[in-house]
Amino acid sequence: MYVKDVVVQNQVGLHARPATFFIQKANEFRSSIWVEKDERRVNAKSLLGVLSLGIVGGTAIRIIADGADEEDAVESLVRLVQSGFAG
């Protein structure tokens, strides 16, 4: 299991468009991946799950992965969040 915390940089947070980029990136990996905010954990590959967290800009989230490519998955998603979902 590999875990890393990151602060969402873009002002609007993880609304539909950035959440879609996030989920597409998560689905590139075989590992199970979760996003955690305030003790709530959802599947990072689920649009409804990610949107249900209501993540806004400046929010700290935790990205957790478990599997063969867990470290690459978490690092890749952290970079995406830090870039403000620039791709």
Protein backbone atom coordinates (compact mmCIF):
# COMPACT_ATOMS: atom_id res chain seq x y z
CA MET A 1 0.00 0.00 0.00
CA TYR A 2 1.28 3.47 -0.94
CA VAL A 3 -0.23 6.67 0.50
CA LYS A 4 0.40 10.35 -0.15
CA ASP A 5 -1.33 13.59 0.87
CA VAL A 6 -1.78 16.47 -1.56
CA VAL A 7 -3.59 19.83 -1.54
CA VAL A 8 -5.93 20.51 -4.46
CA GLN A 9 -4.43 23.55 -6.21
CA ASN A 10 -7.08 24.69 -8.68
CA GLN A 11 -9.70 27.09 -7.33
CA VAL A 12 -12.80 25.15 -8.35
CA GLY A 13 -11.53 21.89 -6.89
CA LEU A 14 -12.57 18.48 -8.15
CA HIS A 15 -15.79 19.31 -10.00
CA ALA A 16 -16.92 17.39 -13.10
CA ARG A 17 -14.16 18.24 -15.59
CA PRO A 18 -11.09 17.88 -13.32
CA ALA A 19 -12.69 14.84 -11.68
CA THR A 20 -13.02 13.24 -15.12
CA PHE A 21 -9.29 13.82 -15.79
CA PHE A 22 -8.51 12.36 -12.36
CA ILE A 23 -10.61 9.25 -12.95
CA GLN A 24 -9.20 8.70 -16.45
CA LYS A 25 -5.68 8.84 -14.98
CA ALA A 26 -6.64 6.49 -12.13
CA ASN A 27 -8.04 3.99 -14.63
CA GLU A 28 -4.65 3.79 -16.38
CA PHE A 29 -3.40 1.73 -13.41
CA ARG A 30 -4.18 -1.81 -12.30
CA SER A 31 -3.96 -1.02 -8.59
CA SER A 32 -6.98 -0.33 -6.43
CA ILE A 33 -6.98 3.43 -5.78
CA TRP A 34 -8.93 5.47 -3.25
CA VAL A 35 -9.29 9.15 -2.43
CA GLU A 36 -9.82 10.18 1.18
CA LYS A 37 -11.11 13.47 2.57
CA ASP A 38 -12.10 13.96 6.21
CA GLU A 39 -12.10 10.23 6.98
CA ARG A 40 -14.37 9.46 3.99
CA ARG A 41 -12.82 7.10 1.43
CA VAL A 42 -14.10 6.55 -2.11
CA ASN A 43 -12.96 4.63 -5.16
CA ALA A 44 -10.74 6.97 -7.24
CA LYS A 45 -12.00 5.27 -10.39
CA SER A 46 -15.63 6.25 -9.68
CA LEU A 47 -16.88 9.64 -10.90
CA LEU A 48 -19.84 9.62 -8.50
CA GLY A 49 -17.57 8.65 -5.62
CA VAL A 50 -15.03 11.39 -6.27
CA LEU A 51 -17.72 14.04 -6.83
CA SER A 52 -19.50 12.97 -3.63
CA LEU A 53 -16.50 14.14 -1.57
CA GLY A 54 -17.21 17.77 -2.57
CA ILE A 55 -13.50 18.62 -2.90
CA VAL A 56 -12.88 22.36 -3.35
CA GLY A 57 -9.67 24.29 -3.99
CA GLY A 58 -7.30 24.31 -1.03
CA THR A 59 -8.61 20.99 0.31
CA ALA A 60 -6.10 18.40 1.48
CA ILE A 61 -6.83 14.92 0.17
CA ARG A 62 -5.11 11.58 0.61
CA ILE A 63 -4.49 9.29 -2.36
CA ILE A 64 -4.10 5.61 -1.52
CA ALA A 65 -3.22 2.77 -3.87
CA ASP A 66 -2.71 -0.93 -3.37
CA GLY A 67 -1.39 -3.20 -6.11
CA ALA A 68 1.38 -3.91 -8.58
CA ASP A 69 1.75 -0.29 -9.78
CA GLU A 70 0.63 1.47 -6.57
CA GLU A 71 3.59 3.86 -6.30
CA ASP A 72 3.35 4.98 -9.94
CA ALA A 73 -0.41 5.40 -9.58
CA VAL A 74 -0.21 7.64 -6.50
CA GLU A 75 2.71 9.72 -7.81
CA SER A 76 0.98 10.22 -11.16
CA LEU A 77 -2.29 11.35 -9.51
CA VAL A 78 -0.44 13.65 -7.10
CA ARG A 79 1.32 15.31 -10.07
CA LEU A 80 -2.04 15.76 -11.82
CA VAL A 81 -3.58 17.39 -8.73
CA GLN A 82 -0.51 19.63 -8.21
CA SER A 83 -0.66 20.77 -11.84
CA GLY A 84 -4.20 22.05 -11.32
CA PHE A 85 -5.43 19.31 -13.68
CA ALA A 86 -3.48 20.71 -16.61
CA GLY A 87 -3.10 17.18 -17.98
